[in-house]
């Protein structure tokens, strides 16, 4: 069993920064890739960024390239999402996820999910 818990969301003005964290517990050895997804009201859940243990290899959605950075700390069983230059369109619930296979951007491929943390960017 794997549990994921996100933290770090909040309200920030456009141009500001936030750092999200996701702590993994349980059978963390089952996870090879972790990712961040987000979902805004009335929208489908979309891929934001992912990181694999090997490499590590990272992958970003075009909408966040150059602004967001994903990183991980294996010793702490934690991944992070540093979000800079935030825009109102970044407003969404952000979800941490994990899977045992290769790095992929499809949310349906991730069996483990956190409860989400809300990020709201005001103009």
N, C-alpha and C. Protein backbone atom coordinates (compact mmCIF):
# COMPACT_ATOMS: atom_id res chain seq x y z
N UNK A 1 0.83 -1.17 0.00
CA UNK A 1 0.00 0.00 0.00
C UNK A 1 0.88 1.25 0.00
N UNK A 2 0.48 2.27 -0.79
CA UNK A 2 1.20 3.52 -0.89
C UNK A 2 0.25 4.66 -0.55
N UNK A 3 0.72 5.58 0.27
CA UNK A 3 -0.02 6.78 0.60
C UNK A 3 0.77 8.01 0.16
N UNK A 4 0.08 8.99 -0.42
CA UNK A 4 0.70 10.22 -0.87
C UNK A 4 -0.04 11.39 -0.25
N UNK A 5 0.70 12.34 0.31
CA UNK A 5 0.10 13.49 0.97
C UNK A 5 0.76 14.76 0.45
N UNK A 6 -0.04 15.64 -0.16
CA UNK A 6 0.47 16.91 -0.68
C UNK A 6 0.35 18.01 0.37
N UNK A 7 1.20 19.02 0.23
CA UNK A 7 1.12 20.20 1.07
C UNK A 7 1.77 21.37 0.33
N UNK A 8 1.51 22.58 0.80
CA UNK A 8 2.16 23.75 0.26
C UNK A 8 1.30 24.65 -0.60
N UNK A 9 0.07 24.25 -0.87
CA UNK A 9 -0.81 25.08 -1.67
C UNK A 9 -1.24 26.32 -0.91
N UNK A 10 -1.84 27.25 -1.63
CA UNK A 10 -2.30 28.47 -1.01
C UNK A 10 -2.70 29.50 -2.02
N UNK A 11 -2.89 30.72 -1.53
CA UNK A 11 -3.28 31.86 -2.36
C UNK A 11 -2.07 32.75 -2.59
N UNK A 12 -1.84 33.09 -3.85
CA UNK A 12 -0.69 33.91 -4.20
C UNK A 12 -1.08 34.84 -5.34
N UNK A 13 -0.45 35.99 -5.41
CA UNK A 13 -0.70 36.93 -6.49
C UNK A 13 0.07 36.52 -7.74
N UNK A 14 -0.44 36.93 -8.89
CA UNK A 14 0.24 36.65 -10.15
C UNK A 14 1.69 37.12 -10.09
N UNK A 15 2.59 36.29 -10.60
CA UNK A 15 4.01 36.57 -10.55
C UNK A 15 4.72 36.01 -9.34
N UNK A 16 3.96 35.52 -8.38
CA UNK A 16 4.53 34.98 -7.16
C UNK A 16 4.95 33.53 -7.31
N UNK A 17 5.37 32.94 -6.18
CA UNK A 17 5.89 31.58 -6.17
C UNK A 17 5.28 30.76 -5.04
N UNK A 18 5.21 29.46 -5.27
CA UNK A 18 4.82 28.49 -4.26
C UNK A 18 5.66 27.24 -4.45
N UNK A 19 5.85 26.49 -3.36
CA UNK A 19 6.55 25.22 -3.43
C UNK A 19 5.66 24.14 -2.84
N UNK A 20 5.27 23.19 -3.67
CA UNK A 20 4.46 22.07 -3.23
C UNK A 20 5.34 20.90 -2.83
N UNK A 21 4.90 20.14 -1.84
CA UNK A 21 5.59 18.95 -1.40
C UNK A 21 4.64 17.77 -1.43
N UNK A 22 5.19 16.58 -1.65
CA UNK A 22 4.41 15.35 -1.61
C UNK A 22 5.22 14.29 -0.88
N UNK A 23 4.71 13.84 0.25
CA UNK A 23 5.36 12.81 1.05
C UNK A 23 4.74 11.45 0.74
N UNK A 24 5.57 10.49 0.39
CA UNK A 24 5.13 9.13 0.12
C UNK A 24 5.44 8.23 1.30
N UNK A 25 4.51 7.34 1.62
CA UNK A 25 4.72 6.39 2.70
C UNK A 25 4.14 5.04 2.31
N UNK A 26 4.41 4.03 3.11
CA UNK A 26 3.98 2.69 2.78
C UNK A 26 5.02 1.98 1.94
N UNK A 27 4.57 1.25 0.94
CA UNK A 27 5.45 0.47 0.07
C UNK A 27 6.02 1.37 -1.03
N UNK A 28 6.89 2.29 -0.63
CA UNK A 28 7.43 3.26 -1.58
C UNK A 28 8.35 2.62 -2.62
N UNK A 29 8.85 1.41 -2.34
CA UNK A 29 9.68 0.72 -3.32
C UNK A 29 8.90 0.32 -4.57
N UNK A 30 7.58 0.34 -4.49
CA UNK A 30 6.74 0.04 -5.65
C UNK A 30 6.67 1.19 -6.65
N UNK A 31 7.16 2.36 -6.26
CA UNK A 31 7.06 3.56 -7.09
C UNK A 31 8.40 3.84 -7.77
N UNK A 32 8.37 3.94 -9.09
CA UNK A 32 9.54 4.33 -9.87
C UNK A 32 9.43 5.74 -10.44
N UNK A 33 8.20 6.23 -10.60
CA UNK A 33 7.93 7.54 -11.18
C UNK A 33 6.89 8.25 -10.34
N UNK A 34 7.09 9.53 -10.09
CA UNK A 34 6.09 10.35 -9.44
C UNK A 34 5.83 11.59 -10.28
N UNK A 35 4.60 12.06 -10.22
CA UNK A 35 4.23 13.20 -11.04
C UNK A 35 3.26 14.12 -10.35
N UNK A 36 3.11 15.30 -10.95
CA UNK A 36 2.14 16.29 -10.51
C UNK A 36 1.13 16.50 -11.63
N UNK A 37 -0.14 16.49 -11.27
CA UNK A 37 -1.24 16.80 -12.17
C UNK A 37 -2.07 17.91 -11.55
N UNK A 38 -2.87 18.57 -12.36
CA UNK A 38 -3.75 19.61 -11.83
C UNK A 38 -5.10 19.56 -12.52
N UNK A 39 -6.11 20.04 -11.82
CA UNK A 39 -7.46 20.04 -12.35
C UNK A 39 -8.17 21.32 -11.92
N UNK A 40 -8.57 22.11 -12.89
CA UNK A 40 -9.33 23.32 -12.65
C UNK A 40 -10.81 23.02 -12.82
N UNK A 41 -11.69 23.85 -12.23
CA UNK A 41 -13.13 23.61 -12.37
C UNK A 41 -13.56 23.54 -13.83
N UNK A 42 -14.32 22.50 -14.16
CA UNK A 42 -14.82 22.32 -15.51
C UNK A 42 -13.79 21.81 -16.50
N UNK A 43 -12.60 21.49 -16.04
CA UNK A 43 -11.53 21.02 -16.91
C UNK A 43 -11.17 19.57 -16.59
N UNK A 44 -10.56 18.90 -17.57
CA UNK A 44 -10.01 17.57 -17.34
C UNK A 44 -8.72 17.68 -16.54
N UNK A 45 -8.40 16.62 -15.83
CA UNK A 45 -7.13 16.59 -15.13
C UNK A 45 -5.99 16.57 -16.14
N UNK A 46 -5.00 17.45 -15.95
CA UNK A 46 -3.92 17.56 -16.91
C UNK A 46 -2.56 17.35 -16.26
N UNK A 47 -1.65 16.85 -17.06
CA UNK A 47 -0.29 16.60 -16.63
C UNK A 47 0.46 17.90 -16.43
N UNK A 48 1.28 17.95 -15.38
CA UNK A 48 2.12 19.11 -15.11
C UNK A 48 3.60 18.76 -15.23
N UNK A 49 4.06 17.77 -14.47
CA UNK A 49 5.46 17.39 -14.47
C UNK A 49 5.61 16.01 -13.84
N UNK A 50 6.69 15.31 -14.19
CA UNK A 50 6.97 14.01 -13.62
C UNK A 50 8.46 13.80 -13.50
N UNK A 51 8.84 12.90 -12.59
CA UNK A 51 10.24 12.59 -12.36
C UNK A 51 10.39 11.10 -12.10
N UNK A 52 11.44 10.51 -12.66
CA UNK A 52 11.74 9.10 -12.44
C UNK A 52 12.94 8.95 -11.51
N UNK A 53 13.01 7.82 -10.80
CA UNK A 53 14.13 7.57 -9.90
C UNK A 53 15.45 7.51 -10.65
N UNK A 54 15.46 6.82 -11.79
CA UNK A 54 16.67 6.66 -12.57
C UNK A 54 16.97 7.94 -13.33
N UNK A 55 18.20 8.33 -13.32
CA UNK A 55 18.62 9.55 -14.00
C UNK A 55 19.05 10.66 -13.03
N UNK A 56 18.12 11.32 -12.39
CA UNK A 56 16.68 11.26 -12.61
C UNK A 56 16.27 11.96 -13.90
N UNK A 57 15.22 11.46 -14.51
CA UNK A 57 14.67 12.05 -15.71
C UNK A 57 13.43 12.86 -15.35
N UNK A 58 13.31 14.03 -15.93
CA UNK A 58 12.14 14.88 -15.70
C UNK A 58 11.45 15.20 -17.01
N UNK A 59 10.17 15.51 -16.91
CA UNK A 59 9.37 15.84 -18.08
C UNK A 59 8.32 16.85 -17.66
N UNK A 60 8.10 17.88 -18.49
CA UNK A 60 7.19 18.97 -18.16
C UNK A 60 6.18 19.21 -19.26
N UNK A 61 4.99 19.63 -18.84
CA UNK A 61 4.03 20.13 -19.80
C UNK A 61 4.53 21.44 -20.39
N UNK A 62 4.18 21.69 -21.65
CA UNK A 62 4.63 22.92 -22.32
C UNK A 62 4.18 24.17 -21.57
N UNK A 63 3.03 24.11 -20.93
CA UNK A 63 2.46 25.27 -20.27
C UNK A 63 3.26 25.72 -19.04
N UNK A 64 4.12 24.85 -18.50
CA UNK A 64 4.86 25.20 -17.29
C UNK A 64 6.36 25.20 -17.49
N UNK A 65 6.84 24.85 -18.66
CA UNK A 65 8.28 24.81 -18.92
C UNK A 65 8.90 26.18 -18.68
N UNK A 66 10.02 26.19 -17.97
CA UNK A 66 10.71 27.43 -17.66
C UNK A 66 10.20 28.12 -16.42
N UNK A 67 9.06 27.69 -15.89
CA UNK A 67 8.48 28.30 -14.69
C UNK A 67 8.44 27.33 -13.51
N UNK A 68 8.17 26.05 -13.77
CA UNK A 68 8.05 25.05 -12.72
C UNK A 68 9.25 24.11 -12.75
N UNK A 69 9.65 23.62 -11.58
CA UNK A 69 10.73 22.65 -11.46
C UNK A 69 10.31 21.53 -10.53
N UNK A 70 10.41 20.29 -11.01
CA UNK A 70 10.12 19.13 -10.17
C UNK A 70 11.44 18.54 -9.68
N UNK A 71 11.46 18.11 -8.44
CA UNK A 71 12.65 17.50 -7.86
C UNK A 71 12.23 16.45 -6.85
N UNK A 72 13.19 15.62 -6.44
CA UNK A 72 12.88 14.57 -5.49
C UNK A 72 14.00 14.35 -4.51
N UNK A 73 13.66 13.83 -3.35
CA UNK A 73 14.60 13.48 -2.30
C UNK A 73 14.26 12.06 -1.86
N UNK A 74 15.01 11.08 -2.36
CA UNK A 74 14.72 9.69 -2.06
C UNK A 74 14.83 9.38 -0.56
N UNK A 75 15.80 10.00 0.11
CA UNK A 75 15.99 9.76 1.53
C UNK A 75 14.78 10.19 2.35
N UNK A 76 14.06 11.21 1.87
CA UNK A 76 12.89 11.72 2.57
C UNK A 76 11.58 11.20 1.97
N UNK A 77 11.67 10.39 0.91
CA UNK A 77 10.48 9.89 0.22
C UNK A 77 9.55 11.03 -0.17
N UNK A 78 10.14 12.08 -0.69
CA UNK A 78 9.40 13.31 -0.97
C UNK A 78 9.76 13.86 -2.35
N UNK A 79 8.76 14.37 -3.06
CA UNK A 79 9.00 15.14 -4.26
C UNK A 79 8.47 16.55 -4.05
N UNK A 80 8.97 17.48 -4.88
CA UNK A 80 8.61 18.88 -4.76
C UNK A 80 8.24 19.43 -6.13
N UNK A 81 7.46 20.48 -6.11
CA UNK A 81 7.18 21.24 -7.31
C UNK A 81 7.36 22.71 -6.99
N UNK A 82 8.46 23.28 -7.46
CA UNK A 82 8.71 24.70 -7.29
C UNK A 82 8.02 25.45 -8.42
N UNK A 83 7.10 26.32 -8.09
CA UNK A 83 6.31 27.04 -9.07
C UNK A 83 6.64 28.52 -8.98
N UNK A 84 7.21 29.06 -10.04
CA UNK A 84 7.57 30.47 -10.12
C UNK A 84 6.77 31.15 -11.22
N UNK A 85 6.74 32.46 -11.18
CA UNK A 85 6.03 33.26 -12.19
C UNK A 85 4.61 32.76 -12.39
N UNK A 86 3.92 32.55 -11.31
CA UNK A 86 2.58 31.98 -11.38
C UNK A 86 1.61 32.90 -12.09
N UNK A 87 0.70 32.29 -12.83
CA UNK A 87 -0.32 32.98 -13.60
C UNK A 87 -1.70 32.57 -13.11
N UNK A 88 -2.72 33.41 -13.31
CA UNK A 88 -4.07 33.01 -12.92
C UNK A 88 -4.51 31.69 -13.52
N UNK A 89 -4.07 31.38 -14.73
CA UNK A 89 -4.44 30.12 -15.35
C UNK A 89 -3.79 28.90 -14.71
N UNK A 90 -2.86 29.11 -13.78
CA UNK A 90 -2.30 28.01 -13.00
C UNK A 90 -3.21 27.60 -11.85
N UNK A 91 -4.26 28.36 -11.59
CA UNK A 91 -5.19 28.06 -10.51
C UNK A 91 -5.83 26.69 -10.74
N UNK A 92 -5.70 25.81 -9.75
CA UNK A 92 -6.23 24.45 -9.87
C UNK A 92 -5.95 23.71 -8.57
N UNK A 93 -6.59 22.56 -8.44
CA UNK A 93 -6.18 21.60 -7.42
C UNK A 93 -5.02 20.78 -7.97
N UNK A 94 -3.94 20.72 -7.23
CA UNK A 94 -2.76 20.01 -7.67
C UNK A 94 -2.66 18.67 -6.95
N UNK A 95 -2.45 17.61 -7.72
CA UNK A 95 -2.42 16.25 -7.20
C UNK A 95 -1.06 15.61 -7.42
N UNK A 96 -0.57 14.95 -6.40
CA UNK A 96 0.63 14.14 -6.48
C UNK A 96 0.23 12.72 -6.87
N UNK A 97 1.06 12.07 -7.69
CA UNK A 97 0.74 10.73 -8.15
C UNK A 97 2.00 9.88 -8.27
N UNK A 98 1.81 8.56 -8.32
CA UNK A 98 2.94 7.66 -8.45
C UNK A 98 2.57 6.42 -9.24
N UNK A 99 3.57 5.80 -9.87
CA UNK A 99 3.39 4.56 -10.61
C UNK A 99 4.67 3.77 -10.60
N UNK A 100 4.58 2.50 -10.96
CA UNK A 100 5.74 1.63 -10.92
C UNK A 100 6.48 1.49 -12.22
N UNK A 101 5.94 2.00 -13.31
CA UNK A 101 6.52 1.84 -14.62
C UNK A 101 7.36 3.02 -15.07
N UNK A 102 7.31 3.28 -16.36
CA UNK A 102 8.10 4.33 -16.98
C UNK A 102 7.43 5.69 -16.83
N UNK A 103 8.20 6.74 -17.07
CA UNK A 103 7.68 8.10 -17.02
C UNK A 103 6.68 8.30 -18.15
N UNK A 104 5.48 8.77 -17.79
CA UNK A 104 4.42 8.96 -18.77
C UNK A 104 3.54 10.11 -18.30
N UNK A 105 2.89 10.78 -19.25
CA UNK A 105 2.06 11.95 -18.96
C UNK A 105 0.58 11.63 -18.87
N UNK A 106 0.19 10.40 -19.02
CA UNK A 106 -1.21 10.01 -19.00
C UNK A 106 -1.67 9.75 -17.57
N UNK A 107 -2.64 10.51 -17.06
CA UNK A 107 -3.06 10.31 -15.66
C UNK A 107 -3.61 8.93 -15.37
N UNK A 108 -4.24 8.29 -16.35
CA UNK A 108 -4.78 6.96 -16.14
C UNK A 108 -3.73 5.90 -15.87
N UNK A 109 -2.47 6.21 -16.15
CA UNK A 109 -1.39 5.26 -15.92
C UNK A 109 -0.86 5.30 -14.49
N UNK A 110 -1.35 6.22 -13.68
CA UNK A 110 -0.87 6.38 -12.31
C UNK A 110 -1.88 5.81 -11.32
N UNK A 111 -1.55 4.73 -10.64
CA UNK A 111 -2.50 4.11 -9.71
C UNK A 111 -2.57 4.76 -8.33
N UNK A 112 -1.54 5.50 -7.94
CA UNK A 112 -1.48 6.09 -6.61
C UNK A 112 -1.67 7.59 -6.68
N UNK A 113 -2.56 8.11 -5.83
CA UNK A 113 -2.90 9.53 -5.85
C UNK A 113 -3.05 10.10 -4.44
N UNK A 114 -2.64 11.35 -4.28
CA UNK A 114 -2.91 12.08 -3.06
C UNK A 114 -4.27 12.74 -3.12
N UNK A 115 -4.63 13.46 -2.06
CA UNK A 115 -5.93 14.11 -1.97
C UNK A 115 -5.97 15.46 -2.65
N UNK A 116 -4.82 16.03 -2.97
CA UNK A 116 -4.76 17.30 -3.65
C UNK A 116 -4.53 18.48 -2.72
N UNK A 117 -3.97 19.53 -3.26
CA UNK A 117 -3.78 20.78 -2.54
C UNK A 117 -4.13 21.92 -3.48
N UNK A 118 -4.89 22.89 -2.99
CA UNK A 118 -5.41 23.95 -3.84
C UNK A 118 -4.39 25.05 -4.03
N UNK A 119 -4.20 25.46 -5.27
CA UNK A 119 -3.37 26.61 -5.62
C UNK A 119 -4.26 27.63 -6.30
N UNK A 120 -4.31 28.82 -5.76
CA UNK A 120 -5.12 29.89 -6.32
C UNK A 120 -4.23 31.10 -6.59
N UNK A 121 -4.22 31.55 -7.84
CA UNK A 121 -3.40 32.68 -8.26
C UNK A 121 -4.33 33.82 -8.64
N UNK A 122 -4.23 34.91 -7.93
CA UNK A 122 -5.07 36.07 -8.17
C UNK A 122 -4.39 37.04 -9.11
N UNK A 123 -5.20 37.80 -9.84
CA UNK A 123 -4.68 38.81 -10.75
C UNK A 123 -4.59 40.16 -10.06
